[in-house]
PDB file of all heavy atoms in Angstrom:
ATOM      1  N   THR A   1       8.735  22.992 -49.567  1.00  0.00           N
ATOM      2  CA  THR A   1       8.635  21.823 -50.422  1.00  0.00           C
ATOM      3  C   THR A   1       9.644  21.916 -51.529  1.00  0.00           C
ATOM      4  O   THR A   1       9.933  23.030 -52.001  1.00  0.00           O
ATOM      5  CB  THR A   1       7.213  21.676 -51.029  1.00  0.00           C
ATOM      6  OG1 THR A   1       6.908  22.855 -51.705  1.00  0.00           O
ATOM      7  CG2 THR A   1       6.200  21.425 -49.943  1.00  0.00           C
ATOM      8  N   ASP A   2      10.148  20.793 -51.984  1.00  0.00           N
ATOM      9  CA  ASP A   2      11.031  20.830 -53.126  1.00  0.00           C
ATOM     10  C   ASP A   2      10.266  20.434 -54.374  1.00  0.00           C
ATOM     11  O   ASP A   2       9.122  20.045 -54.323  1.00  0.00           O
ATOM     12  CB  ASP A   2      12.245  19.902 -52.918  1.00  0.00           C
ATOM     13  CG  ASP A   2      11.833  18.455 -52.677  1.00  0.00           C
ATOM     14  OD1 ASP A   2      10.811  18.056 -53.208  1.00  0.00           O
ATOM     15  OD2 ASP A   2      12.575  17.767 -51.945  1.00  0.00           O
ATOM     16  N   THR A   3      10.924  20.558 -55.535  1.00  0.00           N
ATOM     17  CA  THR A   3      10.251  20.265 -56.770  1.00  0.00           C
ATOM     18  C   THR A   3      10.006  18.800 -56.998  1.00  0.00           C
ATOM     19  O   THR A   3       9.276  18.407 -57.897  1.00  0.00           O
ATOM     20  CB  THR A   3      11.059  20.831 -57.948  1.00  0.00           C
ATOM     21  OG1 THR A   3      12.372  20.259 -57.890  1.00  0.00           O
ATOM     22  CG2 THR A   3      11.169  22.343 -57.877  1.00  0.00           C
ATOM     23  N   LYS A   4      10.571  17.948 -56.145  1.00  0.00           N
ATOM     24  CA  LYS A   4      10.341  16.536 -56.268  1.00  0.00           C
ATOM     25  C   LYS A   4       9.249  16.015 -55.327  1.00  0.00           C
ATOM     26  O   LYS A   4       8.986  14.860 -55.258  1.00  0.00           O
ATOM     27  CB  LYS A   4      11.670  15.762 -55.946  1.00  0.00           C
ATOM     28  CG  LYS A   4      12.770  16.071 -56.936  1.00  0.00           C
ATOM     29  CD  LYS A   4      14.049  15.284 -56.575  1.00  0.00           C
ATOM     30  CE  LYS A   4      15.149  15.599 -57.556  1.00  0.00           C
ATOM     31  NZ  LYS A   4      16.382  14.840 -57.219  1.00  0.00           N
ATOM     32  N   GLY A   5       8.632  16.954 -54.604  1.00  0.00           N
ATOM     33  CA  GLY A   5       7.511  16.545 -53.787  1.00  0.00           C
ATOM     34  C   GLY A   5       7.808  16.265 -52.359  1.00  0.00           C
ATOM     35  O   GLY A   5       6.967  15.946 -51.582  1.00  0.00           O
ATOM     36  N   GLY A   6       9.088  16.376 -51.959  1.00  0.00           N
ATOM     37  CA  GLY A   6       9.440  16.175 -50.562  1.00  0.00           C
ATOM     38  C   GLY A   6       9.531  17.466 -49.832  1.00  0.00           C
ATOM     39  O   GLY A   6       9.404  18.564 -50.394  1.00  0.00           O
ATOM     40  N   PHE A   7       9.744  17.398 -48.528  1.00  0.00           N
ATOM     41  CA  PHE A   7       9.867  18.597 -47.701  1.00  0.00           C
ATOM     42  C   PHE A   7      11.326  18.836 -47.450  1.00  0.00           C
ATOM     43  O   PHE A   7      12.088  17.956 -47.110  1.00  0.00           O
ATOM     44  CB  PHE A   7       9.131  18.410 -46.375  1.00  0.00           C
ATOM     45  CG  PHE A   7       7.656  18.430 -46.553  1.00  0.00           C
ATOM     46  CD1 PHE A   7       6.952  17.267 -46.816  1.00  0.00           C
ATOM     47  CD2 PHE A   7       6.954  19.603 -46.500  1.00  0.00           C
ATOM     48  CE1 PHE A   7       5.597  17.282 -46.990  1.00  0.00           C
ATOM     49  CE2 PHE A   7       5.588  19.641 -46.658  1.00  0.00           C
ATOM     50  CZ  PHE A   7       4.918  18.454 -46.912  1.00  0.00           C
ATOM     51  N   ARG A   8      11.753  20.082 -47.598  1.00  0.00           N
ATOM     52  CA  ARG A   8      13.149  20.417 -47.338  1.00  0.00           C
ATOM     53  C   ARG A   8      13.222  21.252 -46.069  1.00  0.00           C
ATOM     54  O   ARG A   8      12.503  22.232 -45.929  1.00  0.00           O
ATOM     55  CB  ARG A   8      13.792  21.166 -48.514  1.00  0.00           C
ATOM     56  CG  ARG A   8      13.201  22.553 -48.749  1.00  0.00           C
ATOM     57  CD  ARG A   8      13.980  23.279 -49.843  1.00  0.00           C
ATOM     58  NE  ARG A   8      13.588  24.671 -49.909  1.00  0.00           N
ATOM     59  CZ  ARG A   8      12.545  25.132 -50.596  1.00  0.00           C
ATOM     60  NH1 ARG A   8      11.830  24.282 -51.282  1.00  0.00           N
ATOM     61  NH2 ARG A   8      12.255  26.414 -50.596  1.00  0.00           N
ATOM     62  N   GLY A   9      14.129  20.944 -45.219  1.00  0.00           N
ATOM     63  CA  GLY A   9      14.259  21.680 -43.963  1.00  0.00           C
ATOM     64  C   GLY A   9      15.319  22.747 -44.136  1.00  0.00           C
ATOM     65  O   GLY A   9      16.436  22.486 -44.491  1.00  0.00           O
ATOM     66  N   ARG A  10      14.971  23.982 -43.897  1.00  0.00           N
ATOM     67  CA  ARG A  10      15.938  25.085 -43.987  1.00  0.00           C
ATOM     68  C   ARG A  10      16.734  25.121 -42.686  1.00  0.00           C
ATOM     69  O   ARG A  10      16.406  24.476 -41.717  1.00  0.00           O
ATOM     70  CB  ARG A  10      15.204  26.401 -44.199  1.00  0.00           C
ATOM     71  CG  ARG A  10      14.350  26.428 -45.481  1.00  0.00           C
ATOM     72  CD  ARG A  10      13.537  27.705 -45.555  1.00  0.00           C
ATOM     73  NE  ARG A  10      12.588  27.598 -46.629  1.00  0.00           N
ATOM     74  CZ  ARG A  10      11.593  28.463 -46.793  1.00  0.00           C
ATOM     75  NH1 ARG A  10      11.425  29.442 -45.953  1.00  0.00           N
ATOM     76  NH2 ARG A  10      10.768  28.335 -47.790  1.00  0.00           N
ATOM     77  N   SER A  11      17.778  25.927 -42.714  1.00  0.00           N
ATOM     78  CA  SER A  11      18.637  26.032 -41.534  1.00  0.00           C
ATOM     79  C   SER A  11      17.772  26.483 -40.367  1.00  0.00           C
ATOM     80  O   SER A  11      17.007  27.427 -40.425  1.00  0.00           O
ATOM     81  CB  SER A  11      19.709  27.082 -41.766  1.00  0.00           C
ATOM     82  OG  SER A  11      20.506  27.241 -40.640  1.00  0.00           O
ATOM     83  N   MET A  12      17.904  25.789 -39.237  1.00  0.00           N
ATOM     84  CA  MET A  12      16.992  25.986 -38.141  1.00  0.00           C
ATOM     85  C   MET A  12      17.667  25.753 -36.807  1.00  0.00           C
ATOM     86  O   MET A  12      18.413  24.814 -36.655  1.00  0.00           O
ATOM     87  CB  MET A  12      15.891  24.966 -38.322  1.00  0.00           C
ATOM     88  CG  MET A  12      14.623  25.248 -37.685  1.00  0.00           C
ATOM     89  SD  MET A  12      13.519  23.910 -38.048  1.00  0.00           S
ATOM     90  CE  MET A  12      12.244  24.898 -38.574  1.00  0.00           C
ATOM     91  N   SER A  13      17.457  26.637 -35.862  1.00  0.00           N
ATOM     92  CA  SER A  13      18.018  26.460 -34.539  1.00  0.00           C
ATOM     93  C   SER A  13      17.162  25.478 -33.764  1.00  0.00           C
ATOM     94  O   SER A  13      15.999  25.216 -34.080  1.00  0.00           O
ATOM     95  CB  SER A  13      18.068  27.797 -33.826  1.00  0.00           C
ATOM     96  OG  SER A  13      16.752  28.253 -33.565  1.00  0.00           O
ATOM     97  N   ARG A  14      17.727  24.928 -32.665  1.00  0.00           N
ATOM     98  CA  ARG A  14      16.986  24.010 -31.835  1.00  0.00           C
ATOM     99  C   ARG A  14      15.749  24.700 -31.248  1.00  0.00           C
ATOM    100  O   ARG A  14      14.688  24.130 -31.122  1.00  0.00           O
ATOM    101  CB  ARG A  14      17.874  23.461 -30.733  1.00  0.00           C
ATOM    102  CG  ARG A  14      17.195  22.388 -29.876  1.00  0.00           C
ATOM    103  CD  ARG A  14      18.105  21.939 -28.767  1.00  0.00           C
ATOM    104  NE  ARG A  14      19.346  21.446 -29.309  1.00  0.00           N
ATOM    105  CZ  ARG A  14      20.407  21.120 -28.524  1.00  0.00           C
ATOM    106  NH1 ARG A  14      20.329  21.306 -27.210  1.00  0.00           N
ATOM    107  NH2 ARG A  14      21.500  20.687 -29.057  1.00  0.00           N
ATOM    108  N   SER A  15      15.905  25.964 -30.869  1.00  0.00           N
ATOM    109  CA  SER A  15      14.764  26.654 -30.274  1.00  0.00           C
ATOM    110  C   SER A  15      13.639  26.842 -31.278  1.00  0.00           C
ATOM    111  O   SER A  15      12.478  26.799 -30.956  1.00  0.00           O
ATOM    112  CB  SER A  15      15.227  28.052 -29.762  1.00  0.00           C
ATOM    113  OG  SER A  15      15.730  28.848 -30.825  1.00  0.00           O
ATOM    114  N   SER A  16      14.027  27.011 -32.596  1.00  0.00           N
ATOM    115  CA  SER A  16      12.983  27.127 -33.617  1.00  0.00           C
ATOM    116  C   SER A  16      12.204  25.797 -33.749  1.00  0.00           C
ATOM    117  O   SER A  16      10.995  25.808 -33.908  1.00  0.00           O
ATOM    118  CB  SER A  16      13.640  27.479 -34.979  1.00  0.00           C
ATOM    119  OG  SER A  16      14.236  28.741 -34.917  1.00  0.00           O
ATOM    120  N   TRP A  17      12.937  24.695 -33.656  1.00  0.00           N
ATOM    121  CA  TRP A  17      12.251  23.388 -33.708  1.00  0.00           C
ATOM    122  C   TRP A  17      11.281  23.236 -32.585  1.00  0.00           C
ATOM    123  O   TRP A  17      10.138  22.818 -32.752  1.00  0.00           O
ATOM    124  CB  TRP A  17      13.286  22.252 -33.665  1.00  0.00           C
ATOM    125  CG  TRP A  17      13.827  21.849 -35.006  1.00  0.00           C
ATOM    126  CD1 TRP A  17      15.080  22.045 -35.474  1.00  0.00           C
ATOM    127  CD2 TRP A  17      13.111  21.252 -36.067  1.00  0.00           C
ATOM    128  NE1 TRP A  17      15.190  21.566 -36.752  1.00  0.00           N
ATOM    129  CE2 TRP A  17      13.967  21.075 -37.132  1.00  0.00           C
ATOM    130  CE3 TRP A  17      11.785  20.848 -36.216  1.00  0.00           C
ATOM    131  CZ2 TRP A  17      13.606  20.496 -38.326  1.00  0.00           C
ATOM    132  CZ3 TRP A  17      11.388  20.247 -37.419  1.00  0.00           C
ATOM    133  CH2 TRP A  17      12.314  20.109 -38.435  1.00  0.00           C
ATOM    134  N   VAL A  18      11.768  23.530 -31.363  1.00  0.00           N
ATOM    135  CA  VAL A  18      10.907  23.364 -30.186  1.00  0.00           C
ATOM    136  C   VAL A  18       9.697  24.249 -30.287  1.00  0.00           C
ATOM    137  O   VAL A  18       8.567  23.825 -30.042  1.00  0.00           O
ATOM    138  CB  VAL A  18      11.712  23.675 -28.917  1.00  0.00           C
ATOM    139  CG1 VAL A  18      10.770  23.656 -27.699  1.00  0.00           C
ATOM    140  CG2 VAL A  18      12.831  22.660 -28.719  1.00  0.00           C
ATOM    141  N   ALA A  19       9.876  25.511 -30.656  1.00  0.00           N
ATOM    142  CA  ALA A  19       8.762  26.417 -30.781  1.00  0.00           C
ATOM    143  C   ALA A  19       7.822  25.985 -31.882  1.00  0.00           C
ATOM    144  O   ALA A  19       6.591  26.061 -31.721  1.00  0.00           O
ATOM    145  CB  ALA A  19       9.275  27.851 -31.062  1.00  0.00           C
ATOM    146  N   GLY A  20       8.373  25.483 -32.970  1.00  0.00           N
ATOM    147  CA  GLY A  20       7.539  25.060 -34.093  1.00  0.00           C
ATOM    148  C   GLY A  20       6.714  23.850 -33.745  1.00  0.00           C
ATOM    149  O   GLY A  20       5.513  23.802 -34.017  1.00  0.00           O
ATOM    150  N   ILE A  21       7.325  22.847 -33.113  1.00  0.00           N
ATOM    151  CA  ILE A  21       6.582  21.661 -32.741  1.00  0.00           C
ATOM    152  C   ILE A  21       5.511  22.006 -31.722  1.00  0.00           C
ATOM    153  O   ILE A  21       4.368  21.501 -31.793  1.00  0.00           O
ATOM    154  CB  ILE A  21       7.540  20.596 -32.134  1.00  0.00           C
ATOM    155  CG1 ILE A  21       8.536  20.142 -33.201  1.00  0.00           C
ATOM    156  CG2 ILE A  21       6.755  19.404 -31.614  1.00  0.00           C
ATOM    157  CD1 ILE A  21       7.903  19.501 -34.405  1.00  0.00           C
ATOM    158  N   SER A  22       5.842  22.873 -30.764  1.00  0.00           N
ATOM    159  CA  SER A  22       4.837  23.286 -29.792  1.00  0.00           C
ATOM    160  C   SER A  22       3.654  23.984 -30.477  1.00  0.00           C
ATOM    161  O   SER A  22       2.503  23.764 -30.130  1.00  0.00           O
ATOM    162  CB  SER A  22       5.459  24.274 -28.772  1.00  0.00           C
ATOM    163  OG  SER A  22       6.518  23.657 -28.081  1.00  0.00           O
ATOM    164  N   GLY A  23       3.960  24.800 -31.481  1.00  0.00           N
ATOM    165  CA  GLY A  23       2.910  25.485 -32.232  1.00  0.00           C
ATOM    166  C   GLY A  23       2.006  24.512 -32.938  1.00  0.00           C
ATOM    167  O   GLY A  23       0.765  24.666 -32.956  1.00  0.00           O
ATOM    168  N   ILE A  24       2.567  23.483 -33.526  1.00  0.00           N
ATOM    169  CA  ILE A  24       1.756  22.472 -34.225  1.00  0.00           C
ATOM    170  C   ILE A  24       0.849  21.761 -33.247  1.00  0.00           C
ATOM    171  O   ILE A  24      -0.332  21.544 -33.497  1.00  0.00           O
ATOM    172  CB  ILE A  24       2.648  21.417 -34.948  1.00  0.00           C
ATOM    173  CG1 ILE A  24       3.206  22.039 -36.232  1.00  0.00           C
ATOM    174  CG2 ILE A  24       1.848  20.186 -35.298  1.00  0.00           C
ATOM    175  CD1 ILE A  24       3.927  21.044 -37.093  1.00  0.00           C
ATOM    176  N   MET A  25       1.390  21.382 -32.092  1.00  0.00           N
ATOM    177  CA  MET A  25       0.571  20.661 -31.110  1.00  0.00           C
ATOM    178  C   MET A  25      -0.590  21.497 -30.637  1.00  0.00           C
ATOM    179  O   MET A  25      -1.716  21.028 -30.503  1.00  0.00           O
ATOM    180  CB  MET A  25       1.469  20.247 -29.921  1.00  0.00           C
ATOM    181  CG  MET A  25       2.465  19.173 -30.279  1.00  0.00           C
ATOM    182  SD  MET A  25       3.581  18.826 -28.899  1.00  0.00           S
ATOM    183  CE  MET A  25       2.403  18.200 -27.673  1.00  0.00           C
ATOM    184  N   LEU A  26      -0.333  22.799 -30.402  1.00  0.00           N
ATOM    185  CA  LEU A  26      -1.401  23.670 -29.948  1.00  0.00           C
ATOM    186  C   LEU A  26      -2.426  23.869 -31.073  1.00  0.00           C
ATOM    187  O   LEU A  26      -3.630  23.893 -30.821  1.00  0.00           O
ATOM    188  CB  LEU A  26      -0.820  25.043 -29.548  1.00  0.00           C
ATOM    189  CG  LEU A  26       0.008  25.031 -28.257  1.00  0.00           C
ATOM    190  CD1 LEU A  26       0.690  26.392 -28.068  1.00  0.00           C
ATOM    191  CD2 LEU A  26      -0.873  24.691 -27.066  1.00  0.00           C
ATOM    192  N   MET A  27      -1.945  23.954 -32.324  1.00  0.00           N
ATOM    193  CA  MET A  27      -2.816  24.153 -33.439  1.00  0.00           C
ATOM    194  C   MET A  27      -3.758  22.980 -33.667  1.00  0.00           C
ATOM    195  O   MET A  27      -4.964  23.133 -33.756  1.00  0.00           O
ATOM    196  CB  MET A  27      -2.001  24.360 -34.722  1.00  0.00           C
ATOM    197  CG  MET A  27      -2.824  24.502 -35.997  1.00  0.00           C
ATOM    198  SD  MET A  27      -1.760  24.652 -37.449  1.00  0.00           S
ATOM    199  CE  MET A  27      -0.994  23.032 -37.495  1.00  0.00           C
ATOM    200  N   VAL A  28      -3.208  21.752 -33.626  1.00  0.00           N
ATOM    201  CA  VAL A  28      -4.069  20.590 -33.859  1.00  0.00           C
ATOM    202  C   VAL A  28      -4.968  20.345 -32.686  1.00  0.00           C
ATOM    203  O   VAL A  28      -6.087  19.865 -32.846  1.00  0.00           O
ATOM    204  CB  VAL A  28      -3.210  19.356 -34.161  1.00  0.00           C
ATOM    205  CG1 VAL A  28      -2.419  19.518 -35.440  1.00  0.00           C
ATOM    206  CG2 VAL A  28      -2.245  19.033 -33.042  1.00  0.00           C
ATOM    207  N   ALA A  29      -4.510  20.655 -31.486  1.00  0.00           N
ATOM    208  CA  ALA A  29      -5.365  20.493 -30.317  1.00  0.00           C
ATOM    209  C   ALA A  29      -6.552  21.429 -30.391  1.00  0.00           C
ATOM    210  O   ALA A  29      -7.710  21.025 -30.125  1.00  0.00           O
ATOM    211  CB  ALA A  29      -4.580  20.757 -29.022  1.00  0.00           C
ATOM    212  N   ALA A  30      -6.299  22.661 -30.764  1.00  0.00           N
ATOM    213  CA  ALA A  30      -7.391  23.667 -30.874  1.00  0.00           C
ATOM    214  C   ALA A  30      -8.379  23.273 -31.957  1.00  0.00           C
ATOM    215  O   ALA A  30      -9.592  23.341 -31.775  1.00  0.00           O
ATOM    216  CB  ALA A  30      -6.808  25.028 -31.139  1.00  0.00           C
ATOM    217  N   ALA A  31      -7.856  22.814 -33.086  1.00  0.00           N
ATOM    218  CA  ALA A  31      -8.741  22.431 -34.201  1.00  0.00           C
ATOM    219  C   ALA A  31      -9.574  21.238 -33.829  1.00  0.00           C
ATOM    220  O   ALA A  31     -10.767  21.165 -34.110  1.00  0.00           O
ATOM    221  CB  ALA A  31      -7.916  22.128 -35.447  1.00  0.00           C
ATOM    222  N   GLY A  32      -8.932  20.246 -33.177  1.00  0.00           N
ATOM    223  CA  GLY A  32      -9.681  19.074 -32.806  1.00  0.00           C
ATOM    224  C   GLY A  32     -10.743  19.349 -31.753  1.00  0.00           C
ATOM    225  O   GLY A  32     -11.848  18.836 -31.815  1.00  0.00           O
ATOM    226  N   ALA A  33     -10.394  20.181 -30.780  1.00  0.00           N
ATOM    227  CA  ALA A  33     -11.370  20.527 -29.760  1.00  0.00           C
ATOM    228  C   ALA A  33     -12.544  21.313 -30.336  1.00  0.00           C
ATOM    229  O   ALA A  33     -13.711  21.076 -29.987  1.00  0.00           O
ATOM    230  CB  ALA A  33     -10.685  21.341 -28.653  1.00  0.00           C
ATOM    231  N   GLN A  34     -12.266  22.207 -31.253  1.00  0.00           N
ATOM    232  CA  GLN A  34     -13.304  22.996 -31.850  1.00  0.00           C
ATOM    233  C   GLN A  34     -14.284  22.116 -32.632  1.00  0.00           C
ATOM    234  O   GLN A  34     -15.498  22.289 -32.574  1.00  0.00           O
ATOM    235  CB  GLN A  34     -12.732  24.079 -32.776  1.00  0.00           C
ATOM    236  CG  GLN A  34     -13.829  24.950 -33.381  1.00  0.00           C
ATOM    237  CD  GLN A  34     -13.235  26.042 -34.281  1.00  0.00           C
ATOM    238  OE1 GLN A  34     -12.048  26.052 -34.511  1.00  0.00           O
ATOM    239  NE2 GLN A  34     -14.078  26.879 -34.790  1.00  0.00           N
ATOM    240  N   SER A  35     -13.729  21.160 -33.370  1.00  0.00           N
ATOM    241  CA  SER A  35     -14.588  20.292 -34.182  1.00  0.00           C
ATOM    242  C   SER A  35     -15.409  19.338 -33.329  1.00  0.00           C
ATOM    243  O   SER A  35     -16.473  18.897 -33.753  1.00  0.00           O
ATOM    244  CB  SER A  35     -13.741  19.479 -35.178  1.00  0.00           C
ATOM    245  OG  SER A  35     -12.927  18.561 -34.493  1.00  0.00           O
ATOM    246  N   ALA A  36     -14.895  19.006 -32.147  1.00  0.00           N
ATOM    247  CA  ALA A  36     -15.569  17.999 -31.326  1.00  0.00           C
ATOM    248  C   ALA A  36     -16.519  18.607 -30.293  1.00  0.00           C
ATOM    249  O   ALA A  36     -17.332  17.900 -29.734  1.00  0.00           O
ATOM    250  CB  ALA A  36     -14.529  17.122 -30.619  1.00  0.00           C
ATOM    251  N   ALA A  37     -16.338  19.873 -29.980  1.00  0.00           N
ATOM    252  CA  ALA A  37     -17.123  20.467 -28.921  1.00  0.00           C
ATOM    253  C   ALA A  37     -18.601  20.456 -29.236  1.00  0.00           C
ATOM    254  O   ALA A  37     -19.012  20.680 -30.380  1.00  0.00           O
ATOM    255  CB  ALA A  37     -16.633  21.916 -28.682  1.00  0.00           C
ATOM    256  N   VAL A  38     -19.420  20.212 -28.254  1.00  0.00           N
ATOM    257  CA  VAL A  38     -20.870  20.101 -28.435  1.00  0.00           C
ATOM    258  C   VAL A  38     -21.487  21.407 -28.863  1.00  0.00           C
ATOM    259  O   VAL A  38     -22.398  21.462 -29.675  1.00  0.00           O
ATOM    260  CB  VAL A  38     -21.517  19.601 -27.164  1.00  0.00           C
ATOM    261  CG1 VAL A  38     -23.048  19.644 -27.285  1.00  0.00           C
ATOM    262  CG2 VAL A  38     -21.072  18.176 -26.839  1.00  0.00           C
ATOM    263  N   ASP A  39     -20.951  22.535 -28.348  1.00  0.00           N
ATOM    264  CA  ASP A  39     -21.603  23.805 -28.592  1.00  0.00           C
ATOM    265  C   ASP A  39     -21.201  24.460 -29.889  1.00  0.00           C
ATOM    266  O   ASP A  39     -21.704  25.520 -30.224  1.00  0.00           O
ATOM    267  CB  ASP A  39     -21.239  24.772 -27.441  1.00  0.00           C
ATOM    268  CG  ASP A  39     -21.836  24.304 -26.106  1.00  0.00           C
ATOM    269  OD1 ASP A  39     -22.861  23.617 -26.144  1.00  0.00           O
ATOM    270  OD2 ASP A  39     -21.252  24.635 -25.057  1.00  0.00           O
ATOM    271  N   THR A  40     -20.290  23.869 -30.661  1.00  0.00           N
ATOM    272  CA  THR A  40     -19.884  24.465 -31.914  1.00  0.00           C
ATOM    273  C   THR A  40     -20.840  24.092 -33.001  1.00  0.00           C
ATOM    274  O   THR A  40     -21.597  23.129 -32.884  1.00  0.00           O
ATOM    275  CB  THR A  40     -18.457  24.052 -32.312  1.00  0.00           C
ATOM    276  OG1 THR A  40     -18.414  22.611 -32.379  1.00  0.00           O
ATOM    277  CG2 THR A  40     -17.444  24.535 -31.293  1.00  0.00           C
ATOM    278  N   ALA A  41     -20.790  24.824 -34.121  1.00  0.00           N
ATOM    279  CA  ALA A  41     -21.658  24.510 -35.243  1.00  0.00           C
ATOM    280  C   ALA A  41     -21.261  23.157 -35.835  1.00  0.00           C
ATOM    281  O   ALA A  41     -20.126  22.759 -35.747  1.00  0.00           O
ATOM    282  CB  ALA A  41     -21.538  25.630 -36.310  1.00  0.00           C
ATOM    283  N   PRO A  42     -22.226  22.440 -36.457  1.00  0.00           N
ATOM    284  CA  PRO A  42     -21.893  21.151 -37.075  1.00  0.00           C
ATOM    285  C   PRO A  42     -20.801  21.310 -38.107  1.00  0.00           C
ATOM    286  O   PRO A  42     -20.805  22.251 -38.899  1.00  0.00           O
ATOM    287  CB  PRO A  42     -23.250  20.752 -37.717  1.00  0.00           C
ATOM    288  CG  PRO A  42     -24.276  21.506 -37.001  1.00  0.00           C
ATOM    289  CD  PRO A  42     -23.617  22.796 -36.601  1.00  0.00           C
ATOM    290  N   SER A  43     -19.849  20.386 -38.090  1.00  0.00           N
ATOM    291  CA  SER A  43     -18.724  20.489 -39.027  1.00  0.00           C
ATOM    292  C   SER A  43     -18.483  19.173 -39.711  1.00  0.00           C
ATOM    293  O   SER A  43     -17.373  18.901 -40.129  1.00  0.00           O
ATOM    294  CB  SER A  43     -17.467  20.914 -38.260  1.00  0.00           C
ATOM    295  OG  SER A  43     -17.150  19.979 -37.250  1.00  0.00           O
ATOM    296  N   GLY A  44     -19.511  18.311 -39.808  1.00  0.00           N
ATOM    297  CA  GLY A  44     -19.324  16.995 -40.382  1.00  0.00           C
ATOM    298  C   GLY A  44     -18.958  17.074 -41.853  1.00  0.00           C
ATOM    299  O   GLY A  44     -19.816  17.179 -42.705  1.00  0.00           O
TER     300      GLY A  44
END
């Protein structure tokens, strides 16, 4: 983050982008599935 409140992208290879985006997708999928699964503890 920069001091003005925006996000700054550091120097990054294409492979880093692909790996990073894949990581986010897996992360949000896991979090969503955990919160929605019937057998998990209530998380409302």
